[in-house]
Amino acid sequence: ATDKYLTALRDYGLAPVVLPVWEEADVSLITAWLERLDGLMLTG
């Protein structure tokens, strides 16, 4: 993920964490992320 997205989130008091992408990623992986997250950003 490009630094400018992560820096912007950090500067507004948020803690960014980069989510890996695999074409075969299953629902259980996505569910595990969302149970721990407080928000989601989709970048350019």
All heavy atoms as atom14 arrays in JSON, in Angstrom:
{
  "sequence": "ATDKYLTALRDYGLAPVVLPVWEEADVSLITAWLERLDGLMLTG",
  "atom14_mask": [
    [1, 1, 1, 1, 1, 0, 0, 0, 0, 0, 0, 0, 0, 0],
    [1, 1, 1, 1, 1, 1, 1, 0, 0, 0, 0, 0, 0, 0],
    [1, 1, 1, 1, 1, 1, 1, 1, 0, 0, 0, 0, 0, 0],
    [1, 1, 1, 1, 1, 1, 1, 1, 1, 0, 0, 0, 0, 0],
    [1, 1, 1, 1, 1, 1, 1, 1, 1, 1, 1, 1, 0, 0],
    [1, 1, 1, 1, 1, 1, 1, 1, 0, 0, 0, 0, 0, 0],
    [1, 1, 1, 1, 1, 1, 1, 0, 0, 0, 0, 0, 0, 0],
    [1, 1, 1, 1, 1, 0, 0, 0, 0, 0, 0, 0, 0, 0],
    [1, 1, 1, 1, 1, 1, 1, 1, 0, 0, 0, 0, 0, 0],
    [1, 1, 1, 1, 1, 1, 1, 1, 1, 1, 1, 0, 0, 0],
    [1, 1, 1, 1, 1, 1, 1, 1, 0, 0, 0, 0, 0, 0],
    [1, 1, 1, 1, 1, 1, 1, 1, 1, 1, 1, 1, 0, 0],
    [1, 1, 1, 1, 0, 0, 0, 0, 0, 0, 0, 0, 0, 0],
    [1, 1, 1, 1, 1, 1, 1, 1, 0, 0, 0, 0, 0, 0],
    [1, 1, 1, 1, 1, 0, 0, 0, 0, 0, 0, 0, 0, 0],
    [1, 1, 1, 1, 1, 1, 1, 0, 0, 0, 0, 0, 0, 0],
    [1, 1, 1, 1, 1, 1, 1, 0, 0, 0, 0, 0, 0, 0],
    [1, 1, 1, 1, 1, 1, 1, 0, 0, 0, 0, 0, 0, 0],
    [1, 1, 1, 1, 1, 1, 1, 1, 0, 0, 0, 0, 0, 0],
    [1, 1, 1, 1, 1, 1, 1, 0, 0, 0, 0, 0, 0, 0],
    [1, 1, 1, 1, 1, 1, 1, 0, 0, 0, 0, 0, 0, 0],
    [1, 1, 1, 1, 1, 1, 1, 1, 1, 1, 1, 1, 1, 1],
    [1, 1, 1, 1, 1, 1, 1, 1, 1, 0, 0, 0, 0, 0],
    [1, 1, 1, 1, 1, 1, 1, 1, 1, 0, 0, 0, 0, 0],
    [1, 1, 1, 1, 1, 0, 0, 0, 0, 0, 0, 0, 0, 0],
    [1, 1, 1, 1, 1, 1, 1, 1, 0, 0, 0, 0, 0, 0],
    [1, 1, 1, 1, 1, 1, 1, 0, 0, 0, 0, 0, 0, 0],
    [1, 1, 1, 1, 1, 1, 0, 0, 0, 0, 0, 0, 0, 0],
    [1, 1, 1, 1, 1, 1, 1, 1, 0, 0, 0, 0, 0, 0],
    [1, 1, 1, 1, 1, 1, 1, 1, 0, 0, 0, 0, 0, 0],
    [1, 1, 1, 1, 1, 1, 1, 0, 0, 0, 0, 0, 0, 0],
    [1, 1, 1, 1, 1, 0, 0, 0, 0, 0, 0, 0, 0, 0],
    [1, 1, 1, 1, 1, 1, 1, 1, 1, 1, 1, 1, 1, 1],
    [1, 1, 1, 1, 1, 1, 1, 1, 0, 0, 0, 0, 0, 0],
    [1, 1, 1, 1, 1, 1, 1, 1, 1, 0, 0, 0, 0, 0],
    [1, 1, 1, 1, 1, 1, 1, 1, 1, 1, 1, 0, 0, 0],
    [1, 1, 1, 1, 1, 1, 1, 1, 0, 0, 0, 0, 0, 0],
    [1, 1, 1, 1, 1, 1, 1, 1, 0, 0, 0, 0, 0, 0],
    [1, 1, 1, 1, 0, 0, 0, 0, 0, 0, 0, 0, 0, 0],
    [1, 1, 1, 1, 1, 1, 1, 1, 0, 0, 0, 0, 0, 0],
    [1, 1, 1, 1, 1, 1, 1, 1, 0, 0, 0, 0, 0, 0],
    [1, 1, 1, 1, 1, 1, 1, 1, 0, 0, 0, 0, 0, 0],
    [1, 1, 1, 1, 1, 1, 1, 0, 0, 0, 0, 0, 0, 0],
    [1, 1, 1, 1, 0, 0, 0, 0, 0, 0, 0, 0, 0, 0]
  ],
  "atom14_positions": [
    [[0.86, -1.18, 0.0], [0.0, 0.0, 0.0], [0.89, 1.23, 0.0], [1.92, 1.26, 0.68], [-0.91, 0.01, 1.22], [0.0, 0.0, 0.0], [0.0, 0.0, 0.0], [0.0, 0.0, 0.0], [0.0, 0.0, 0.0], [0.0, 0.0, 0.0], [0.0, 0.0, 0.0], [0.0, 0.0, 0.0], [0.0, 0.0, 0.0], [0.0, 0.0, 0.0]],
    [[0.52, 2.24, -0.75], [1.32, 3.45, -0.85], [1.29, 4.23, 0.46], [0.25, 4.34, 1.12], [0.78, 4.34, -1.99], [0.66, 3.55, -3.17], [1.73, 5.48, -2.27], [0.0, 0.0, 0.0], [0.0, 0.0, 0.0], [0.0, 0.0, 0.0], [0.0, 0.0, 0.0], [0.0, 0.0, 0.0], [0.0, 0.0, 0.0], [0.0, 0.0, 0.0]],
    [[2.43, 4.79, 0.82], [2.6, 5.45, 2.12], [1.6, 6.57, 2.35], [1.15, 6.78, 3.48], [4.03, 5.99, 2.22], [4.29, 6.7, 3.54], [4.48, 6.0, 4.54], [4.27, 7.95, 3.55], [0.0, 0.0, 0.0], [0.0, 0.0, 0.0], [0.0, 0.0, 0.0], [0.0, 0.0, 0.0], [0.0, 0.0, 0.0], [0.0, 0.0, 0.0]],
    [[1.22, 7.31, 1.31], [0.37, 8.49, 1.53], [-0.98, 8.14, 2.15], [-1.53, 8.92, 2.93], [0.18, 9.28, 0.23], [-0.39, 8.52, -0.94], [-0.22, 9.32, -2.23], [-0.58, 8.49, -3.45], [-2.02, 8.39, -3.68], [0.0, 0.0, 0.0], [0.0, 0.0, 0.0], [0.0, 0.0, 0.0], [0.0, 0.0, 0.0], [0.0, 0.0, 0.0]],
    [[-1.51, 6.96, 1.85], [-2.78, 6.54, 2.47], [-2.57, 6.22, 3.95], [-3.37, 6.62, 4.8], [-3.32, 5.3, 1.75], [-3.62, 5.52, 0.29], [-2.75, 5.05, -0.7], [-4.77, 6.2, -0.12], [-3.01, 5.25, -2.03], [-5.04, 6.4, -1.46], [-4.16, 5.93, -2.42], [-4.42, 6.13, -3.75], [0.0, 0.0, 0.0], [0.0, 0.0, 0.0]],
    [[-1.51, 5.5, 4.24], [-1.23, 5.11, 5.62], [-0.92, 6.32, 6.48], [-1.38, 6.42, 7.62], [-0.07, 4.12, 5.65], [-0.19, 2.89, 4.73], [1.05, 2.01, 4.84], [-1.44, 2.1, 5.05], [0.0, 0.0, 0.0], [0.0, 0.0, 0.0], [0.0, 0.0, 0.0], [0.0, 0.0, 0.0], [0.0, 0.0, 0.0], [0.0, 0.0, 0.0]],
    [[-0.14, 7.25, 5.93], [0.22, 8.46, 6.66], [-1.01, 9.31, 6.96], [-1.16, 9.85, 8.06], [1.24, 9.28, 5.87], [2.42, 8.49, 5.68], [1.6, 10.56, 6.59], [0.0, 0.0, 0.0], [0.0, 0.0, 0.0], [0.0, 0.0, 0.0], [0.0, 0.0, 0.0], [0.0, 0.0, 0.0], [0.0, 0.0, 0.0], [0.0, 0.0, 0.0]],
    [[-1.9, 9.44, 5.98], [-3.11, 10.23, 6.2], [-3.94, 9.65, 7.34], [-4.41, 10.38, 8.22], [-3.93, 10.29, 4.92], [0.0, 0.0, 0.0], [0.0, 0.0, 0.0], [0.0, 0.0, 0.0], [0.0, 0.0, 0.0], [0.0, 0.0, 0.0], [0.0, 0.0, 0.0], [0.0, 0.0, 0.0], [0.0, 0.0, 0.0], [0.0, 0.0, 0.0]],
    [[-4.11, 8.34, 7.36], [-4.88, 7.71, 8.44], [-4.2, 7.93, 9.79], [-4.85, 8.26, 10.78], [-5.03, 6.21, 8.16], [-5.9, 5.84, 6.95], [-5.84, 4.35, 6.69], [-7.34, 6.29, 7.15], [0.0, 0.0, 0.0], [0.0, 0.0, 0.0], [0.0, 0.0, 0.0], [0.0, 0.0, 0.0], [0.0, 0.0, 0.0], [0.0, 0.0, 0.0]],
    [[-2.9, 7.74, 9.83], [-2.14, 7.95, 11.06], [-2.31, 9.37, 11.58], [-2.5, 9.6, 12.78], [-0.66, 7.65, 10.83], [0.23, 7.83, 12.05], [1.67, 8.02, 11.65], [1.88, 9.25, 10.89], [3.02, 9.57, 10.29], [4.05, 8.76, 10.33], [3.13, 10.73, 9.63], [0.0, 0.0, 0.0], [0.0, 0.0, 0.0], [0.0, 0.0, 0.0]],
    [[-2.25, 10.34, 10.66], [-2.31, 11.74, 11.06], [-3.68, 12.15, 11.57], [-3.82, 13.22, 12.19], [-1.9, 12.64, 9.89], [-0.41, 12.55, 9.58], [0.32, 11.94, 10.39], [0.01, 13.07, 8.53], [0.0, 0.0, 0.0], [0.0, 0.0, 0.0], [0.0, 0.0, 0.0], [0.0, 0.0, 0.0], [0.0, 0.0, 0.0], [0.0, 0.0, 0.0]],
    [[-4.7, 11.33, 11.32], [-6.04, 11.61, 11.84], [-6.39, 10.7, 13.02], [-7.56, 10.5, 13.33], [-7.09, 11.51, 10.72], [-7.08, 12.74, 9.84], [-6.18, 12.85, 8.78], [-7.93, 13.81, 10.08], [-6.14, 13.98, 7.98], [-7.91, 14.95, 9.28], [-7.01, 15.02, 8.23], [-6.97, 16.16, 7.45], [0.0, 0.0, 0.0], [0.0, 0.0, 0.0]],
    [[-5.35, 10.16, 13.66], [-5.55, 9.4, 14.88], [-5.95, 7.96, 14.69], [-6.4, 7.31, 15.65], [0.0, 0.0, 0.0], [0.0, 0.0, 0.0], [0.0, 0.0, 0.0], [0.0, 0.0, 0.0], [0.0, 0.0, 0.0], [0.0, 0.0, 0.0], [0.0, 0.0, 0.0], [0.0, 0.0, 0.0], [0.0, 0.0, 0.0], [0.0, 0.0, 0.0]],
    [[-5.77, 7.43, 13.49], [-6.15, 6.05, 13.2], [-4.91, 5.17, 13.08], [-3.81, 5.66, 12.82], [-6.97, 5.99, 11.91], [-8.22, 6.88, 11.9], [-8.84, 6.91, 10.52], [-9.24, 6.4, 12.93], [0.0, 0.0, 0.0], [0.0, 0.0, 0.0], [0.0, 0.0, 0.0], [0.0, 0.0, 0.0], [0.0, 0.0, 0.0], [0.0, 0.0, 0.0]],
    [[-5.08, 3.87, 13.25], [-3.97, 2.92, 13.14], [-4.19, 2.04, 11.91], [-5.04, 1.14, 11.93], [-3.89, 2.04, 14.39], [0.0, 0.0, 0.0], [0.0, 0.0, 0.0], [0.0, 0.0, 0.0], [0.0, 0.0, 0.0], [0.0, 0.0, 0.0], [0.0, 0.0, 0.0], [0.0, 0.0, 0.0], [0.0, 0.0, 0.0], [0.0, 0.0, 0.0]],
    [[-3.47, 2.32, 10.81], [-3.68, 1.54, 9.59], [-2.98, 0.18, 9.65], [-1.89, 0.06, 10.2], [-3.05, 2.42, 8.51], [-1.99, 3.2, 9.22], [-2.5, 3.42, 10.62], [0.0, 0.0, 0.0], [0.0, 0.0, 0.0], [0.0, 0.0, 0.0], [0.0, 0.0, 0.0], [0.0, 0.0, 0.0], [0.0, 0.0, 0.0], [0.0, 0.0, 0.0]],
    [[-3.61, -0.82, 9.07], [-3.01, -2.14, 8.92], [-3.3, -2.62, 7.5], [-4.44, -2.55, 7.03], [-3.56, -3.13, 9.97], [-5.07, -3.25, 9.9], [-2.91, -4.49, 9.82], [0.0, 0.0, 0.0], [0.0, 0.0, 0.0], [0.0, 0.0, 0.0], [0.0, 0.0, 0.0], [0.0, 0.0, 0.0], [0.0, 0.0, 0.0], [0.0, 0.0, 0.0]],
    [[-2.26, -3.06, 6.81], [-2.4, -3.46, 5.4], [-2.95, -4.88, 5.31], [-2.44, -5.81, 5.93], [-1.04, -3.36, 4.67], [-1.18, -3.8, 3.22], [-0.51, -1.93, 4.74], [0.0, 0.0, 0.0], [0.0, 0.0, 0.0], [0.0, 0.0, 0.0], [0.0, 0.0, 0.0], [0.0, 0.0, 0.0], [0.0, 0.0, 0.0], [0.0, 0.0, 0.0]],
    [[-4.0, -5.04, 4.5], [-4.65, -6.34, 4.31], [-4.14, -6.98, 3.02], [-4.27, -6.39, 1.94], [-6.16, -6.16, 4.22], [-6.84, -5.4, 5.37], [-8.34, -5.31, 5.12], [-6.55, -6.06, 6.71], [0.0, 0.0, 0.0], [0.0, 0.0, 0.0], [0.0, 0.0, 0.0], [0.0, 0.0, 0.0], [0.0, 0.0, 0.0], [0.0, 0.0, 0.0]],
    [[-3.58, -8.18, 3.08], [-3.08, -8.84, 1.88], [-4.22, -9.25, 0.95], [-5.38, -9.35, 1.38], [-2.34, -10.06, 2.42], [-3.01, -10.34, 3.72], [-3.39, -9.0, 4.28], [0.0, 0.0, 0.0], [0.0, 0.0, 0.0], [0.0, 0.0, 0.0], [0.0, 0.0, 0.0], [0.0, 0.0, 0.0], [0.0, 0.0, 0.0], [0.0, 0.0, 0.0]],
    [[-3.9, -9.47, -0.3], [-4.92, -9.88, -1.28], [-4.46, -11.15, -2.01], [-3.36, -11.22, -2.54], [-5.2, -8.76, -2.31], [-5.9, -7.59, -1.64], [-3.94, -8.26, -2.99], [0.0, 0.0, 0.0], [0.0, 0.0, 0.0], [0.0, 0.0, 0.0], [0.0, 0.0, 0.0], [0.0, 0.0, 0.0], [0.0, 0.0, 0.0], [0.0, 0.0, 0.0]],
    [[-5.33, -12.14, -1.97], [-5.15, -13.36, -2.76], [-6.46, -13.63, -3.48], [-7.53, -13.56, -2.88], [-4.83, -14.56, -1.86], [-3.51, -14.51, -1.18], [-2.29, -14.76, -1.74], [-3.26, -14.21, 0.2], [-1.31, -14.64, -0.79], [-1.86, -14.31, 0.42], [-4.08, -13.89, 1.29], [-1.27, -14.08, 1.65], [-3.5, -13.66, 2.52], [-2.11, -13.75, 2.7]],
    [[-6.36, -13.98, -4.76], [-7.57, -14.2, -5.55], [-8.43, -15.31, -4.96], [-9.65, -15.28, -5.06], [-7.2, -14.53, -7.0], [-8.37, -14.44, -7.95], [-7.94, -14.4, -9.41], [-6.72, -14.47, -9.68], [-8.83, -14.29, -10.28], [0.0, 0.0, 0.0], [0.0, 0.0, 0.0], [0.0, 0.0, 0.0], [0.0, 0.0, 0.0], [0.0, 0.0, 0.0]],
    [[-7.78, -16.29, -4.32], [-8.53, -17.42, -3.75], [-8.88, -17.21, -2.28], [-9.28, -18.15, -1.59], [-7.73, -18.72, -3.9], [-6.49, -18.84, -3.02], [-5.27, -18.13, -3.57], [-5.4, -17.41, -4.59], [-4.18, -18.29, -2.98], [0.0, 0.0, 0.0], [0.0, 0.0, 0.0], [0.0, 0.0, 0.0], [0.0, 0.0, 0.0], [0.0, 0.0, 0.0]],
    [[-8.72, -15.99, -1.77], [-9.03, -15.71, -0.36], [-10.47, -16.13, -0.04], [-11.39, -15.81, -0.79], [-8.83, -14.25, -0.05], [0.0, 0.0, 0.0], [0.0, 0.0, 0.0], [0.0, 0.0, 0.0], [0.0, 0.0, 0.0], [0.0, 0.0, 0.0], [0.0, 0.0, 0.0], [0.0, 0.0, 0.0], [0.0, 0.0, 0.0], [0.0, 0.0, 0.0]],
    [[-10.66, -16.87, 1.07], [-12.0, -17.35, 1.39], [-12.7, -16.42, 2.38], [-12.11, -15.48, 2.92], [-11.97, -18.79, 1.91], [-11.12, -18.92, 3.18], [-10.96, -17.92, 3.9], [-10.64, -20.04, 3.44], [0.0, 0.0, 0.0], [0.0, 0.0, 0.0], [0.0, 0.0, 0.0], [0.0, 0.0, 0.0], [0.0, 0.0, 0.0], [0.0, 0.0, 0.0]],
    [[-13.97, -16.7, 2.6], [-14.8, -15.85, 3.44], [-14.28, -15.8, 4.88], [-14.36, -14.77, 5.54], [-16.27, -16.35, 3.41], [-17.12, -15.54, 4.39], [-16.83, -16.23, 2.01], [0.0, 0.0, 0.0], [0.0, 0.0, 0.0], [0.0, 0.0, 0.0], [0.0, 0.0, 0.0], [0.0, 0.0, 0.0], [0.0, 0.0, 0.0], [0.0, 0.0, 0.0]],
    [[-13.72, -16.9, 5.36], [-13.25, -16.94, 6.74], [-12.13, -15.94, 7.0], [-12.03, -15.36, 8.08], [-12.79, -18.35, 7.1], [-11.66, -18.73, 6.33], [0.0, 0.0, 0.0], [0.0, 0.0, 0.0], [0.0, 0.0, 0.0], [0.0, 0.0, 0.0], [0.0, 0.0, 0.0], [0.0, 0.0, 0.0], [0.0, 0.0, 0.0], [0.0, 0.0, 0.0]],
    [[-11.29, -15.69, 5.99], [-10.21, -14.72, 6.14], [-10.79, -13.31, 6.25], [-10.39, -12.53, 7.12], [-9.26, -14.81, 4.95], [-8.07, -13.85, 4.96], [-7.16, -14.15, 6.14], [-7.28, -13.95, 3.66], [0.0, 0.0, 0.0], [0.0, 0.0, 0.0], [0.0, 0.0, 0.0], [0.0, 0.0, 0.0], [0.0, 0.0, 0.0], [0.0, 0.0, 0.0]],
    [[-11.72, -12.98, 5.38], [-12.34, -11.66, 5.41], [-13.09, -11.45, 6.72], [-13.01, -10.39, 7.35], [-13.28, -11.49, 4.2], [-12.44, -11.4, 2.91], [-14.17, -10.26, 4.34], [-13.25, -11.38, 1.64], [0.0, 0.0, 0.0], [0.0, 0.0, 0.0], [0.0, 0.0, 0.0], [0.0, 0.0, 0.0], [0.0, 0.0, 0.0], [0.0, 0.0, 0.0]],
    [[-13.79, -12.47, 7.18], [-14.53, -12.38, 8.44], [-13.58, -12.14, 9.61], [-13.86, -11.33, 10.5], [-15.34, -13.66, 8.68], [-16.26, -13.84, 7.59], [-16.11, -13.57, 9.99], [0.0, 0.0, 0.0], [0.0, 0.0, 0.0], [0.0, 0.0, 0.0], [0.0, 0.0, 0.0], [0.0, 0.0, 0.0], [0.0, 0.0, 0.0], [0.0, 0.0, 0.0]],
    [[-12.44, -12.81, 9.59], [-11.46, -12.64, 10.66], [-10.96, -11.2, 10.71], [-10.76, -10.63, 11.8], [-10.29, -13.6, 10.46], [0.0, 0.0, 0.0], [0.0, 0.0, 0.0], [0.0, 0.0, 0.0], [0.0, 0.0, 0.0], [0.0, 0.0, 0.0], [0.0, 0.0, 0.0], [0.0, 0.0, 0.0], [0.0, 0.0, 0.0], [0.0, 0.0, 0.0]],
    [[-10.74, -10.59, 9.54], [-10.31, -9.19, 9.52], [-11.38, -8.3, 10.13], [-11.09, -7.47, 11.0], [-10.07, -8.74, 8.08], [-8.86, -9.31, 7.41], [-7.75, -9.82, 8.0], [-8.65, -9.41, 6.0], [-6.86, -10.25, 7.05], [-7.38, -10.01, 5.81], [-9.4, -9.08, 4.88], [-6.85, -10.26, 4.55], [-8.87, -9.32, 3.63], [-7.61, -9.91, 3.46]],
    [[-12.6, -8.44, 9.66], [-13.65, -7.5, 10.03], [-14.03, -7.59, 11.5], [-14.51, -6.61, 12.07], [-14.88, -7.73, 9.14], [-14.65, -7.53, 7.63], [-15.96, -7.63, 6.88], [-13.96, -6.2, 7.35], [0.0, 0.0, 0.0], [0.0, 0.0, 0.0], [0.0, 0.0, 0.0], [0.0, 0.0, 0.0], [0.0, 0.0, 0.0], [0.0, 0.0, 0.0]],
    [[-13.81, -8.73, 12.11], [-14.1, -8.86, 13.54], [-13.15, -8.01, 14.38], [-13.44, -7.71, 15.53], [-14.0, -10.33, 13.96], [-15.17, -11.17, 13.48], [-15.01, -12.63, 13.85], [-13.91, -13.02, 14.3], [-15.99, -13.38, 13.68], [0.0, 0.0, 0.0], [0.0, 0.0, 0.0], [0.0, 0.0, 0.0], [0.0, 0.0, 0.0], [0.0, 0.0, 0.0]],
    [[-12.01, -7.63, 13.8], [-10.99, -6.89, 14.54], [-10.84, -5.43, 14.11], [-10.12, -4.66, 14.73], [-9.64, -7.6, 14.39], [-9.61, -8.97, 15.04], [-8.43, -9.8, 14.53], [-8.29, -11.05, 15.26], [-8.99, -12.14, 15.01], [-9.92, -12.12, 14.05], [-8.81, -13.25, 15.69], [0.0, 0.0, 0.0], [0.0, 0.0, 0.0], [0.0, 0.0, 0.0]],
    [[-11.49, -5.05, 13.01], [-11.3, -3.71, 12.45], [-12.38, -2.74, 12.91], [-13.5, -3.12, 13.22], [-11.3, -3.78, 10.92], [-10.17, -4.56, 10.26], [-10.35, -4.57, 8.74], [-8.81, -3.98, 10.63], [0.0, 0.0, 0.0], [0.0, 0.0, 0.0], [0.0, 0.0, 0.0], [0.0, 0.0, 0.0], [0.0, 0.0, 0.0], [0.0, 0.0, 0.0]],
    [[-12.0, -1.46, 12.89], [-12.93, -0.38, 13.2], [-13.28, 0.45, 11.96], [-14.04, 1.41, 12.05], [-12.32, 0.55, 14.26], [-11.98, -0.21, 15.53], [-12.87, -0.88, 16.07], [-10.81, -0.15, 15.97], [0.0, 0.0, 0.0], [0.0, 0.0, 0.0], [0.0, 0.0, 0.0], [0.0, 0.0, 0.0], [0.0, 0.0, 0.0], [0.0, 0.0, 0.0]],
    [[-12.71, 0.08, 10.82], [-12.99, 0.77, 9.58], [-12.21, 0.14, 8.45], [-11.3, -0.67, 8.67], [0.0, 0.0, 0.0], [0.0, 0.0, 0.0], [0.0, 0.0, 0.0], [0.0, 0.0, 0.0], [0.0, 0.0, 0.0], [0.0, 0.0, 0.0], [0.0, 0.0, 0.0], [0.0, 0.0, 0.0], [0.0, 0.0, 0.0], [0.0, 0.0, 0.0]],
    [[-12.55, 0.51, 7.22], [-11.87, -0.03, 6.03], [-11.64, 1.09, 5.02], [-12.52, 1.91, 4.78], [-12.7, -1.13, 5.38], [-12.13, -1.69, 4.07], [-10.91, -2.57, 4.33], [-13.18, -2.48, 3.29], [0.0, 0.0, 0.0], [0.0, 0.0, 0.0], [0.0, 0.0, 0.0], [0.0, 0.0, 0.0], [0.0, 0.0, 0.0], [0.0, 0.0, 0.0]],
    [[-10.43, 1.09, 4.43], [-10.13, 1.99, 3.32], [-9.75, 1.18, 2.09], [-8.9, 0.28, 2.15], [-8.98, 2.96, 3.65], [-8.54, 3.78, 2.44], [-7.04, 4.75, 2.74], [-7.76, 6.15, 3.58], [0.0, 0.0, 0.0], [0.0, 0.0, 0.0], [0.0, 0.0, 0.0], [0.0, 0.0, 0.0], [0.0, 0.0, 0.0], [0.0, 0.0, 0.0]],
    [[-10.37, 1.5, 0.97], [-9.97, 0.97, -0.33], [-9.23, 2.08, -1.06], [-9.79, 3.15, -1.31], [-11.18, 0.51, -1.15], [-12.01, -0.62, -0.56], [-13.13, -1.0, -1.52], [-11.16, -1.84, -0.24], [0.0, 0.0, 0.0], [0.0, 0.0, 0.0], [0.0, 0.0, 0.0], [0.0, 0.0, 0.0], [0.0, 0.0, 0.0], [0.0, 0.0, 0.0]],
    [[-7.98, 1.86, -1.38], [-7.11, 2.9, -1.94], [-7.21, 2.99, -3.45], [-7.81, 2.15, -4.12], [-5.65, 2.6, -1.58], [-5.25, 1.42, -2.32], [-5.46, 2.35, -0.1], [0.0, 0.0, 0.0], [0.0, 0.0, 0.0], [0.0, 0.0, 0.0], [0.0, 0.0, 0.0], [0.0, 0.0, 0.0], [0.0, 0.0, 0.0], [0.0, 0.0, 0.0]],
    [[-6.53, 4.0, -3.99], [-6.3, 4.07, -5.41], [-5.17, 3.14, -5.82], [-4.5, 2.54, -4.97], [0.0, 0.0, 0.0], [0.0, 0.0, 0.0], [0.0, 0.0, 0.0], [0.0, 0.0, 0.0], [0.0, 0.0, 0.0], [0.0, 0.0, 0.0], [0.0, 0.0, 0.0], [0.0, 0.0, 0.0], [0.0, 0.0, 0.0], [0.0, 0.0, 0.0]]
  ]
}
